[in-house]
Amino acid sequence: MIHPSYADLMEVVNSGVEEGEQPVINSRYSIVMATSKRARQIIAGDEPLTAEVKARKPLSVAVDELNQGKISILGDEENKEDEAGEL
């Protein structure tokens, strides 16, 4: 069994969402895409944000970072704001 589970990760990511608001993510696909993107960043040379990363695969490090709240996933509205500011 994978630990943490997809449900646990979704709970962590959506923990800051107020009641009645749309969750940041609502599918496993979003978790997979976010962690794979972070793993690629680590492979490209970004420093891991968690301790004890020796001999661990980049995807495992990315999942731990997400589970510990060290990285966050931007919602659709935040992505649109970021894209509008970048030319």
PDB file of N, CA and C in Angstrom:
ATOM      1  N   MET A   1       0.839  -1.182   0.000  1.00  0.00           N
ATOM      2  CA  MET A   1       0.000   0.000   0.000  1.00  0.00           C
ATOM      3  C   MET A   1       0.884   1.246   0.000  1.00  0.00           C
ATOM      4  N   ILE A   2       0.496   2.215  -0.774  1.00  0.00           N
ATOM      5  CA  ILE A   2       1.235   3.469  -0.861  1.00  0.00           C
ATOM      6  C   ILE A   2       0.856   4.342   0.332  1.00  0.00           C
ATOM      7  N   HIS A   3       1.883   4.907   0.947  1.00  0.00           N
ATOM      8  CA  HIS A   3       1.618   5.832   2.042  1.00  0.00           C
ATOM      9  C   HIS A   3       2.358   7.119   1.748  1.00  0.00           C
ATOM     10  N   PRO A   4       1.766   8.249   1.796  1.00  0.00           N
ATOM     11  CA  PRO A   4       0.360   8.500   2.078  1.00  0.00           C
ATOM     12  C   PRO A   4      -0.527   8.168   0.875  1.00  0.00           C
ATOM     13  N   SER A   5      -1.767   7.927   1.141  1.00  0.00           N
ATOM     14  CA  SER A   5      -2.703   7.582   0.072  1.00  0.00           C
ATOM     15  C   SER A   5      -3.099   8.844  -0.699  1.00  0.00           C
ATOM     16  N   TYR A   6      -3.714   8.632  -1.855  1.00  0.00           N
ATOM     17  CA  TYR A   6      -4.211   9.761  -2.631  1.00  0.00           C
ATOM     18  C   TYR A   6      -5.190  10.592  -1.810  1.00  0.00           C
ATOM     19  N   ALA A   7      -6.046   9.921  -1.067  1.00  0.00           N
ATOM     20  CA  ALA A   7      -7.041  10.628  -0.246  1.00  0.00           C
ATOM     21  C   ALA A   7      -6.352  11.508   0.799  1.00  0.00           C
ATOM     22  N   ASP A   8      -5.297  10.994   1.420  1.00  0.00           N
ATOM     23  CA  ASP A   8      -4.553  11.773   2.407  1.00  0.00           C
ATOM     24  C   ASP A   8      -3.917  13.002   1.764  1.00  0.00           C
ATOM     25  N   LEU A   9      -3.319  12.819   0.595  1.00  0.00           N
ATOM     26  CA  LEU A   9      -2.694  13.939  -0.099  1.00  0.00           C
ATOM     27  C   LEU A   9      -3.724  14.985  -0.523  1.00  0.00           C
ATOM     28  N   MET A  10      -4.879  14.531  -0.980  1.00  0.00           N
ATOM     29  CA  MET A  10      -5.936  15.467  -1.371  1.00  0.00           C
ATOM     30  C   MET A  10      -6.418  16.262  -0.164  1.00  0.00           C
ATOM     31  N   GLU A  11      -6.481  15.609   0.995  1.00  0.00           N
ATOM     32  CA  GLU A  11      -6.881  16.284   2.228  1.00  0.00           C
ATOM     33  C   GLU A  11      -5.881  17.377   2.584  1.00  0.00           C
ATOM     34  N   VAL A  12      -4.593  17.073   2.478  1.00  0.00           N
ATOM     35  CA  VAL A  12      -3.544  18.045   2.795  1.00  0.00           C
ATOM     36  C   VAL A  12      -3.633  19.247   1.857  1.00  0.00           C
ATOM     37  N   VAL A  13      -3.764  18.993   0.571  1.00  0.00           N
ATOM     38  CA  VAL A  13      -3.803  20.073  -0.417  1.00  0.00           C
ATOM     39  C   VAL A  13      -5.036  20.948  -0.229  1.00  0.00           C
ATOM     40  N   ASN A  14      -6.162  20.340   0.087  1.00  0.00           N
ATOM     41  CA  ASN A  14      -7.414  21.089   0.233  1.00  0.00           C
ATOM     42  C   ASN A  14      -7.669  21.568   1.654  1.00  0.00           C
ATOM     43  N   SER A  15      -6.702  21.446   2.551  1.00  0.00           N
ATOM     44  CA  SER A  15      -6.918  21.782   3.959  1.00  0.00           C
ATOM     45  C   SER A  15      -7.204  23.269   4.179  1.00  0.00           C
ATOM     46  N   GLY A  16      -6.697  24.143   3.333  1.00  0.00           N
ATOM     47  CA  GLY A  16      -6.913  25.573   3.516  1.00  0.00           C
ATOM     48  C   GLY A  16      -8.170  26.106   2.862  1.00  0.00           C
ATOM     49  N   VAL A  17      -8.967  25.240   2.265  1.00  0.00           N
ATOM     50  CA  VAL A  17     -10.161  25.672   1.553  1.00  0.00           C
ATOM     51  C   VAL A  17     -11.314  25.871   2.552  1.00  0.00           C
ATOM     52  N   GLU A  18     -11.946  27.023   2.471  1.00  0.00           N
ATOM     53  CA  GLU A  18     -13.091  27.328   3.322  1.00  0.00           C
ATOM     54  C   GLU A  18     -14.297  26.494   2.908  1.00  0.00           C
ATOM     55  N   GLU A  19     -15.200  26.282   3.844  1.00  0.00           N
ATOM     56  CA  GLU A  19     -16.423  25.539   3.537  1.00  0.00           C
ATOM     57  C   GLU A  19     -17.243  26.317   2.518  1.00  0.00           C
ATOM     58  N   GLY A  20     -17.716  25.625   1.496  1.00  0.00           N
ATOM     59  CA  GLY A  20     -18.493  26.245   0.434  1.00  0.00           C
ATOM     60  C   GLY A  20     -17.651  26.641  -0.771  1.00  0.00           C
ATOM     61  N   GLU A  21     -16.338  26.721  -0.607  1.00  0.00           N
ATOM     62  CA  GLU A  21     -15.462  27.038  -1.726  1.00  0.00           C
ATOM     63  C   GLU A  21     -15.130  25.768  -2.497  1.00  0.00           C
ATOM     64  N   GLN A  22     -14.736  25.946  -3.737  1.00  0.00           N
ATOM     65  CA  GLN A  22     -14.353  24.808  -4.566  1.00  0.00           C
ATOM     66  C   GLN A  22     -12.972  24.333  -4.122  1.00  0.00           C
ATOM     67  N   PRO A  23     -12.774  23.020  -3.999  1.00  0.00           N
ATOM     68  CA  PRO A  23     -11.454  22.520  -3.595  1.00  0.00           C
ATOM     69  C   PRO A  23     -10.399  22.821  -4.653  1.00  0.00           C
ATOM     70  N   VAL A  24      -9.150  22.924  -4.208  1.00  0.00           N
ATOM     71  CA  VAL A  24      -8.039  23.182  -5.123  1.00  0.00           C
ATOM     72  C   VAL A  24      -7.932  22.041  -6.115  1.00  0.00           C
ATOM     73  N   ILE A  25      -8.004  20.809  -5.624  1.00  0.00           N
ATOM     74  CA  ILE A  25      -7.981  19.633  -6.485  1.00  0.00           C
ATOM     75  C   ILE A  25      -9.100  18.696  -6.078  1.00  0.00           C
ATOM     76  N   ASN A  26      -9.551  17.905  -7.022  1.00  0.00           N
ATOM     77  CA  ASN A  26     -10.605  16.938  -6.697  1.00  0.00           C
ATOM     78  C   ASN A  26     -10.410  15.615  -7.438  1.00  0.00           C
ATOM     79  N   SER A  27      -9.178  15.357  -7.880  1.00  0.00           N
ATOM     80  CA  SER A  27      -8.939  14.094  -8.576  1.00  0.00           C
ATOM     81  C   SER A  27      -7.526  13.589  -8.314  1.00  0.00           C
ATOM     82  N   ARG A  28      -7.346  12.304  -8.480  1.00  0.00           N
ATOM     83  CA  ARG A  28      -6.024  11.694  -8.343  1.00  0.00           C
ATOM     84  C   ARG A  28      -5.085  12.208  -9.420  1.00  0.00           C
ATOM     85  N   TYR A  29      -5.636  12.487 -10.579  1.00  0.00           N
ATOM     86  CA  TYR A  29      -4.848  12.974 -11.698  1.00  0.00           C
ATOM     87  C   TYR A  29      -4.083  14.244 -11.312  1.00  0.00           C
ATOM     88  N   SER A  30      -4.725  15.154 -10.589  1.00  0.00           N
ATOM     89  CA  SER A  30      -4.078  16.394 -10.171  1.00  0.00           C
ATOM     90  C   SER A  30      -2.897  16.126  -9.250  1.00  0.00           C
ATOM     91  N   ILE A  31      -3.051  15.154  -8.355  1.00  0.00           N
ATOM     92  CA  ILE A  31      -1.961  14.775  -7.452  1.00  0.00           C
ATOM     93  C   ILE A  31      -0.796  14.203  -8.268  1.00  0.00           C
ATOM     94  N   VAL A  32      -1.108  13.325  -9.198  1.00  0.00           N
ATOM     95  CA  VAL A  32      -0.073  12.704 -10.020  1.00  0.00           C
ATOM     96  C   VAL A  32       0.675  13.759 -10.834  1.00  0.00           C
ATOM     97  N   MET A  33      -0.043  14.681 -11.436  1.00  0.00           N
ATOM     98  CA  MET A  33       0.593  15.706 -12.255  1.00  0.00           C
ATOM     99  C   MET A  33       1.474  16.624 -11.402  1.00  0.00           C
ATOM    100  N   ALA A  34       0.998  17.014 -10.236  1.00  0.00           N
ATOM    101  CA  ALA A  34       1.768  17.913  -9.373  1.00  0.00           C
ATOM    102  C   ALA A  34       3.040  17.252  -8.858  1.00  0.00           C
ATOM    103  N   THR A  35       2.932  16.016  -8.408  1.00  0.00           N
ATOM    104  CA  THR A  35       4.112  15.342  -7.876  1.00  0.00           C
ATOM    105  C   THR A  35       5.109  15.006  -8.983  1.00  0.00           C
ATOM    106  N   SER A  36       4.618  14.664 -10.162  1.00  0.00           N
ATOM    107  CA  SER A  36       5.554  14.367 -11.255  1.00  0.00           C
ATOM    108  C   SER A  36       6.272  15.631 -11.715  1.00  0.00           C
ATOM    109  N   LYS A  37       5.578  16.758 -11.716  1.00  0.00           N
ATOM    110  CA  LYS A  37       6.220  18.018 -12.087  1.00  0.00           C
ATOM    111  C   LYS A  37       7.316  18.369 -11.080  1.00  0.00           C
ATOM    112  N   ARG A  38       7.018  18.191  -9.797  1.00  0.00           N
ATOM    113  CA  ARG A  38       8.017  18.487  -8.761  1.00  0.00           C
ATOM    114  C   ARG A  38       9.197  17.507  -8.858  1.00  0.00           C
ATOM    115  N   ALA A  39       8.922  16.250  -9.142  1.00  0.00           N
ATOM    116  CA  ALA A  39       9.997  15.260  -9.292  1.00  0.00           C
ATOM    117  C   ALA A  39      10.914  15.654 -10.442  1.00  0.00           C
ATOM    118  N   ARG A  40      10.352  16.136 -11.547  1.00  0.00           N
ATOM    119  CA  ARG A  40      11.176  16.579 -12.672  1.00  0.00           C
ATOM    120  C   ARG A  40      12.038  17.779 -12.286  1.00  0.00           C
ATOM    121  N   GLN A  41      11.499  18.669 -11.447  1.00  0.00           N
ATOM    122  CA  GLN A  41      12.281  19.809 -10.970  1.00  0.00           C
ATOM    123  C   GLN A  41      13.465  19.338 -10.128  1.00  0.00           C
ATOM    124  N   ILE A  42      13.229  18.345  -9.280  1.00  0.00           N
ATOM    125  CA  ILE A  42      14.298  17.805  -8.442  1.00  0.00           C
ATOM    126  C   ILE A  42      15.366  17.142  -9.312  1.00  0.00           C
ATOM    127  N   ILE A  43      14.941  16.385 -10.319  1.00  0.00           N
ATOM    128  CA  ILE A  43      15.876  15.744 -11.240  1.00  0.00           C
ATOM    129  C   ILE A  43      16.713  16.804 -11.966  1.00  0.00           C
ATOM    130  N   ALA A  44      16.084  17.930 -12.294  1.00  0.00           N
ATOM    131  CA  ALA A  44      16.780  19.002 -13.015  1.00  0.00           C
ATOM    132  C   ALA A  44      17.750  19.775 -12.129  1.00  0.00           C
ATOM    133  N   GLY A  45      17.729  19.520 -10.816  1.00  0.00           N
ATOM    134  CA  GLY A  45      18.707  20.167  -9.945  1.00  0.00           C
ATOM    135  C   GLY A  45      18.146  20.987  -8.806  1.00  0.00           C
ATOM    136  N   ASP A  46      16.845  21.150  -8.711  1.00  0.00           N
ATOM    137  CA  ASP A  46      16.274  21.878  -7.576  1.00  0.00           C
ATOM    138  C   ASP A  46      16.570  21.138  -6.282  1.00  0.00           C
ATOM    139  N   GLU A  47      16.792  21.898  -5.222  1.00  0.00           N
ATOM    140  CA  GLU A  47      17.074  21.298  -3.922  1.00  0.00           C
ATOM    141  C   GLU A  47      15.782  20.763  -3.307  1.00  0.00           C
ATOM    142  N   PRO A  48      15.812  19.540  -2.783  1.00  0.00           N
ATOM    143  CA  PRO A  48      14.641  19.011  -2.070  1.00  0.00           C
ATOM    144  C   PRO A  48      14.348  19.836  -0.820  1.00  0.00           C
ATOM    145  N   LEU A  49      13.084  19.946  -0.472  1.00  0.00           N
ATOM    146  CA  LEU A  49      12.667  20.744   0.678  1.00  0.00           C
ATOM    147  C   LEU A  49      12.508  19.916   1.941  1.00  0.00           C
ATOM    148  N   THR A  50      12.781  18.645   1.862  1.00  0.00           N
ATOM    149  CA  THR A  50      12.670  17.765   3.021  1.00  0.00           C
ATOM    150  C   THR A  50      14.032  17.191   3.370  1.00  0.00           C
ATOM    151  N   ALA A  51      14.157  16.734   4.600  1.00  0.00           N
ATOM    152  CA  ALA A  51      15.398  16.103   5.047  1.00  0.00           C
ATOM    153  C   ALA A  51      15.396  14.632   4.638  1.00  0.00           C
ATOM    154  N   GLU A  52      16.529  13.995   4.797  1.00  0.00           N
ATOM    155  CA  GLU A  52      16.665  12.560   4.535  1.00  0.00           C
ATOM    156  C   GLU A  52      16.307  12.187   3.092  1.00  0.00           C
ATOM    157  N   VAL A  53      16.963  12.799   2.139  1.00  0.00           N
ATOM    158  CA  VAL A  53      16.669  12.498   0.739  1.00  0.00           C
ATOM    159  C   VAL A  53      17.726  11.620   0.082  1.00  0.00           C
ATOM    160  N   LYS A  54      18.759  11.238   0.816  1.00  0.00           N
ATOM    161  CA  LYS A  54      19.804  10.401   0.231  1.00  0.00           C
ATOM    162  C   LYS A  54      19.223   9.048  -0.166  1.00  0.00           C
ATOM    163  N   ALA A  55      19.558   8.616  -1.354  1.00  0.00           N
ATOM    164  CA  ALA A  55      19.141   7.306  -1.881  1.00  0.00           C
ATOM    165  C   ALA A  55      17.625   7.162  -1.996  1.00  0.00           C
ATOM    166  N   ARG A  56      16.937   8.274  -2.128  1.00  0.00           N
ATOM    167  CA  ARG A  56      15.481   8.224  -2.338  1.00  0.00           C
ATOM    168  C   ARG A  56      15.182   8.723  -3.733  1.00  0.00           C
ATOM    169  N   LYS A  57      14.173   8.168  -4.309  1.00  0.00           N
ATOM    170  CA  LYS A  57      13.795   8.558  -5.668  1.00  0.00           C
ATOM    171  C   LYS A  57      13.119   9.927  -5.640  1.00  0.00           C
ATOM    172  N   PRO A  58      13.278  10.722  -6.708  1.00  0.00           N
ATOM    173  CA  PRO A  58      12.701  12.065  -6.754  1.00  0.00           C
ATOM    174  C   PRO A  58      11.183  12.090  -6.564  1.00  0.00           C
ATOM    175  N   LEU A  59      10.484  11.093  -7.071  1.00  0.00           N
ATOM    176  CA  LEU A  59       9.036  11.076  -6.899  1.00  0.00           C
ATOM    177  C   LEU A  59       8.653  10.882  -5.434  1.00  0.00           C
ATOM    178  N   SER A  60       9.384  10.033  -4.718  1.00  0.00           N
ATOM    179  CA  SER A  60       9.120   9.842  -3.291  1.00  0.00           C
ATOM    180  C   SER A  60       9.364  11.129  -2.512  1.00  0.00           C
ATOM    181  N   VAL A  61      10.413  11.852  -2.884  1.00  0.00           N
ATOM    182  CA  VAL A  61      10.703  13.127  -2.237  1.00  0.00           C
ATOM    183  C   VAL A  61       9.577  14.115  -2.515  1.00  0.00           C
ATOM    184  N   ALA A  62       9.097  14.168  -3.752  1.00  0.00           N
ATOM    185  CA  ALA A  62       8.017  15.084  -4.119  1.00  0.00           C
ATOM    186  C   ALA A  62       6.734  14.771  -3.353  1.00  0.00           C
ATOM    187  N   VAL A  63       6.408  13.498  -3.194  1.00  0.00           N
ATOM    188  CA  VAL A  63       5.216  13.109  -2.439  1.00  0.00           C
ATOM    189  C   VAL A  63       5.359  13.532  -0.979  1.00  0.00           C
ATOM    190  N   ASP A  64       6.548  13.327  -0.402  1.00  0.00           N
ATOM    191  CA  ASP A  64       6.780  13.746   0.980  1.00  0.00           C
ATOM    192  C   ASP A  64       6.652  15.261   1.133  1.00  0.00           C
ATOM    193  N   GLU A  65       7.187  16.009   0.173  1.00  0.00           N
ATOM    194  CA  GLU A  65       7.084  17.471   0.224  1.00  0.00           C
ATOM    195  C   GLU A  65       5.620  17.916   0.193  1.00  0.00           C
ATOM    196  N   LEU A  66       4.837  17.300  -0.659  1.00  0.00           N
ATOM    197  CA  LEU A  66       3.417  17.643  -0.747  1.00  0.00           C
ATOM    198  C   LEU A  66       2.692  17.270   0.540  1.00  0.00           C
ATOM    199  N   ASN A  67       2.980  16.089   1.065  1.00  0.00           N
ATOM    200  CA  ASN A  67       2.325  15.620   2.284  1.00  0.00           C
ATOM    201  C   ASN A  67       2.678  16.493   3.493  1.00  0.00           C
ATOM    202  N   GLN A  68       3.886  17.030   3.534  1.00  0.00           N
ATOM    203  CA  GLN A  68       4.321  17.871   4.640  1.00  0.00           C
ATOM    204  C   GLN A  68       3.921  19.338   4.454  1.00  0.00           C
ATOM    205  N   GLY A  69       3.304  19.652   3.322  1.00  0.00           N
ATOM    206  CA  GLY A  69       2.862  21.020   3.070  1.00  0.00           C
ATOM    207  C   GLY A  69       3.982  21.954   2.652  1.00  0.00           C
ATOM    208  N   LYS A  70       5.106  21.418   2.217  1.00  0.00           N
ATOM    209  CA  LYS A  70       6.242  22.239   1.805  1.00  0.00           C
ATOM    210  C   LYS A  70       6.060  22.787   0.396  1.00  0.00           C
ATOM    211  N   ILE A  71       5.217  22.138  -0.408  1.00  0.00           N
ATOM    212  CA  ILE A  71       4.858  22.648  -1.729  1.00  0.00           C
ATOM    213  C   ILE A  71       3.341  22.721  -1.794  1.00  0.00           C
ATOM    214  N   SER A  72       2.847  23.537  -2.680  1.00  0.00           N
ATOM    215  CA  SER A  72       1.393  23.656  -2.811  1.00  0.00           C
ATOM    216  C   SER A  72       1.017  23.596  -4.284  1.00  0.00           C
ATOM    217  N   ILE A  73      -0.230  23.290  -4.517  1.00  0.00           N
ATOM    218  CA  ILE A  73      -0.767  23.231  -5.868  1.00  0.00           C
ATOM    219  C   ILE A  73      -1.634  24.463  -6.066  1.00  0.00           C
ATOM    220  N   LEU A  74      -1.375  25.198  -7.141  1.00  0.00           N
ATOM    221  CA  LEU A  74      -2.172  26.377  -7.427  1.00  0.00           C
ATOM    222  C   LEU A  74      -3.491  25.973  -8.056  1.00  0.00           C
ATOM    223  N   GLY A  75      -4.565  26.636  -7.647  1.00  0.00           N
ATOM    224  CA  GLY A  75      -5.868  26.389  -8.251  1.00  0.00           C
ATOM    225  C   GLY A  75      -5.952  27.054  -9.609  1.00  0.00           C
ATOM    226  N   ASP A  76      -7.022  26.803 -10.346  1.00  0.00           N
ATOM    227  CA  ASP A  76      -7.185  27.362 -11.687  1.00  0.00           C
ATOM    228  C   ASP A  76      -7.155  28.883 -11.681  1.00  0.00           C
ATOM    229  N   GLU A  77      -7.811  29.516 -10.703  1.00  0.00           N
ATOM    230  CA  GLU A  77      -7.849  30.968 -10.651  1.00  0.00           C
ATOM    231  C   GLU A  77      -6.461  31.548 -10.416  1.00  0.00           C
ATOM    232  N   GLU A  78      -5.680  30.923  -9.533  1.00  0.00           N
ATOM    233  CA  GLU A  78      -4.338  31.393  -9.252  1.00  0.00           C
ATOM    234  C   GLU A  78      -3.443  31.221 -10.468  1.00  0.00           C
ATOM    235  N   ASN A  79      -3.611  30.130 -11.215  1.00  0.00           N
ATOM    236  CA  ASN A  79      -2.834  29.914 -12.431  1.00  0.00           C
ATOM    237  C   ASN A  79      -3.127  30.993 -13.458  1.00  0.00           C
ATOM    238  N   LYS A  80      -4.398  31.376 -13.609  1.00  0.00           N
ATOM    239  CA  LYS A  80      -4.775  32.405 -14.570  1.00  0.00           C
ATOM    240  C   LYS A  80      -4.147  33.737 -14.190  1.00  0.00           C
ATOM    241  N   GLU A  81      -4.121  34.058 -12.872  1.00  0.00           N
ATOM    242  CA  GLU A  81      -3.509  35.303 -12.418  1.00  0.00           C
ATOM    243  C   GLU A  81      -2.016  35.298 -12.714  1.00  0.00           C
ATOM    244  N   ASP A  82      -1.344  34.184 -12.464  1.00  0.00           N
ATOM    245  CA  ASP A  82       0.086  34.080 -12.730  1.00  0.00           C
ATOM    246  C   ASP A  82       0.382  34.228 -14.211  1.00  0.00           C
ATOM    247  N   GLU A  83      -0.400  33.593 -15.064  1.00  0.00           N
ATOM    248  CA  GLU A  83      -0.192  33.664 -16.505  1.00  0.00           C
ATOM    249  C   GLU A  83      -0.452  35.071 -17.029  1.00  0.00           C
ATOM    250  N   ALA A  84      -1.436  35.763 -16.446  1.00  0.00           N
ATOM    251  CA  ALA A  84      -1.750  37.115 -16.901  1.00  0.00           C
ATOM    252  C   ALA A  84      -0.618  38.070 -16.559  1.00  0.00           C
ATOM    253  N   GLY A  85       0.072  37.817 -15.449  1.00  0.00           N
ATOM    254  CA  GLY A  85       1.167  38.678 -15.049  1.00  0.00           C
ATOM    255  C   GLY A  85       2.444  38.428 -15.810  1.00  0.00           C
ATOM    256  N   GLU A  86       2.575  37.270 -16.422  1.00  0.00           N
ATOM    257  CA  GLU A  86       3.773  36.928 -17.165  1.00  0.00           C
ATOM    258  C   GLU A  86       3.549  37.185 -18.646  1.00  0.00           C
ATOM    259  N   LEU A  87       4.505  37.835 -19.269  1.00  0.00           N
ATOM    260  CA  LEU A  87       4.398  38.084 -20.711  1.00  0.00           C
ATOM    261  C   LEU A  87       5.471  37.375 -21.455  1.00  0.00           C
TER     262      LEU A  87
END
